[in-house]
Protein backbone atom coordinates (compact mmCIF):
# COMPACT_ATOMS: atom_id res chain seq x y z
CA MET A 1 -59.61 32.24 154.60
CA ALA A 2 -61.59 31.62 151.48
CA ARG A 3 -62.39 27.89 150.63
CA LEU A 4 -62.45 26.71 146.98
CA VAL A 5 -65.51 25.06 145.76
CA GLY A 6 -65.00 21.31 145.79
CA PHE A 7 -61.84 21.53 147.70
CA LYS A 8 -61.29 18.96 150.35
CA PRO A 9 -58.75 19.75 153.20
CA PRO A 10 -56.21 17.00 153.82
CA LYS A 11 -57.27 14.18 156.02
CA GLY A 12 -54.79 15.12 158.71
CA GLU A 13 -56.22 18.61 158.90
CA ILE A 14 -59.79 17.21 159.51
CA ILE A 15 -58.47 14.92 162.30
CA MET A 16 -56.64 17.67 163.86
CA LYS A 17 -59.67 19.95 163.87
CA LYS A 18 -61.78 17.19 165.49
CA LEU A 19 -58.99 16.61 168.05
CA MET A 20 -58.88 20.25 168.98
CA THR A 21 -62.56 20.32 169.33
CA MET A 22 -62.62 17.42 171.67
CA THR A 23 -59.75 18.93 173.67
CA ARG A 24 -61.68 22.10 174.08
CA GLN A 25 -64.78 20.31 175.12
CA PHE A 26 -62.99 18.16 177.63
CA ARG A 27 -61.20 21.28 179.09
CA ASP A 28 -64.49 23.07 179.47
CA ASP A 29 -66.37 20.23 180.97
CA GLU A 30 -66.49 20.41 184.79
CA ASN A 31 -68.31 17.13 185.41
CA GLY A 32 -65.01 15.40 185.59
CA ALA A 33 -63.55 17.65 188.15
CA ALA A 34 -66.56 17.22 190.42
CA MET A 35 -66.28 13.39 190.15
CA VAL A 36 -62.66 13.62 191.14
CA GLU A 37 -63.52 15.68 194.15
CA TYR A 38 -66.29 13.38 195.19
CA SER A 39 -64.00 10.36 194.77
CA ILE A 40 -61.28 12.00 196.92
CA LEU A 41 -63.91 12.70 199.65
CA LEU A 42 -65.28 9.30 199.46
CA GLY A 43 -61.73 7.78 199.88
CA ILE A 44 -61.17 10.14 202.85
CA ILE A 45 -64.37 8.92 204.44
CA ALA A 46 -63.66 5.30 203.80
CA VAL A 47 -60.22 5.50 205.43
CA ALA A 48 -61.81 7.28 208.51
CA VAL A 49 -64.36 4.46 208.81
CA VAL A 50 -61.66 1.75 208.59
CA LEU A 51 -59.40 3.37 211.22
CA THR A 52 -62.60 3.92 213.48
CA VAL A 53 -63.42 0.32 213.22
CA ILE A 54 -59.93 -0.85 214.02
CA ALA A 55 -59.78 1.53 217.04
CA ILE A 56 -62.94 0.35 218.37
CA GLY A 57 -61.93 -3.28 217.87
CA GLY A 58 -58.67 -2.74 219.77
CA TRP A 59 -60.61 -1.04 222.63
CA VAL A 60 -63.23 -3.89 222.85
CA THR A 61 -60.32 -6.56 222.78
CA GLY A 62 -58.50 -4.60 225.61
CA ARG A 63 -61.70 -4.29 227.60
CA PHE A 64 -62.49 -8.08 227.23
CA ALA A 65 -58.82 -8.99 228.10
CA GLY A 66 -59.15 -6.95 231.30
CA LEU A 67 -62.44 -8.50 232.16
CA CYS A 68 -60.79 -11.99 231.70
CA THR A 69 -58.00 -11.17 233.83
CA ALA A 70 -60.37 -9.90 236.62
CA LEU A 71 -62.51 -13.08 236.17
CA ASP A 72 -59.58 -15.42 236.54
CA GLY A 73 -58.61 -13.66 239.79
CA THR A 74 -61.86 -14.70 241.43
CA SER A 75 -63.52 -17.96 242.07
CA ILE A 76 -66.61 -17.21 239.89
CA GLY A 77 -65.22 -18.67 236.81
CA THR A 78 -62.42 -18.73 234.23
CA CYS A 79 -61.70 -17.05 230.93
CA ASN A 80 -59.49 -17.69 228.01
CA ALA A 81 -58.89 -14.24 226.31
CA ALA A 82 -57.17 -15.77 223.39
CA ALA A 83 -59.91 -18.12 222.52
CA GLY A 84 -62.73 -15.88 223.62
CA THR A 85 -64.35 -18.51 225.85
CA GLY A 86 -65.21 -18.63 229.47
CA SER A 87 -67.01 -20.55 232.11
């Protein structure tokens, strides 16, 4: 398509060409896809860490309660599992 000397395309056509160029650049850019993949991986790791800490906390609480129960059954001392104190 030949352009006329001194001819200016309509403003809407210029904006549309810029928009199409930006859209093509965004489509061809792979940095965003890698960032999304790493974000998902980071989220999975964070959930795994939280679940592990909760599981270990429950296990430790159970072991402490069992120790308190065993200690209360002896004349060695007493234990209050709810308060976390003993003598």
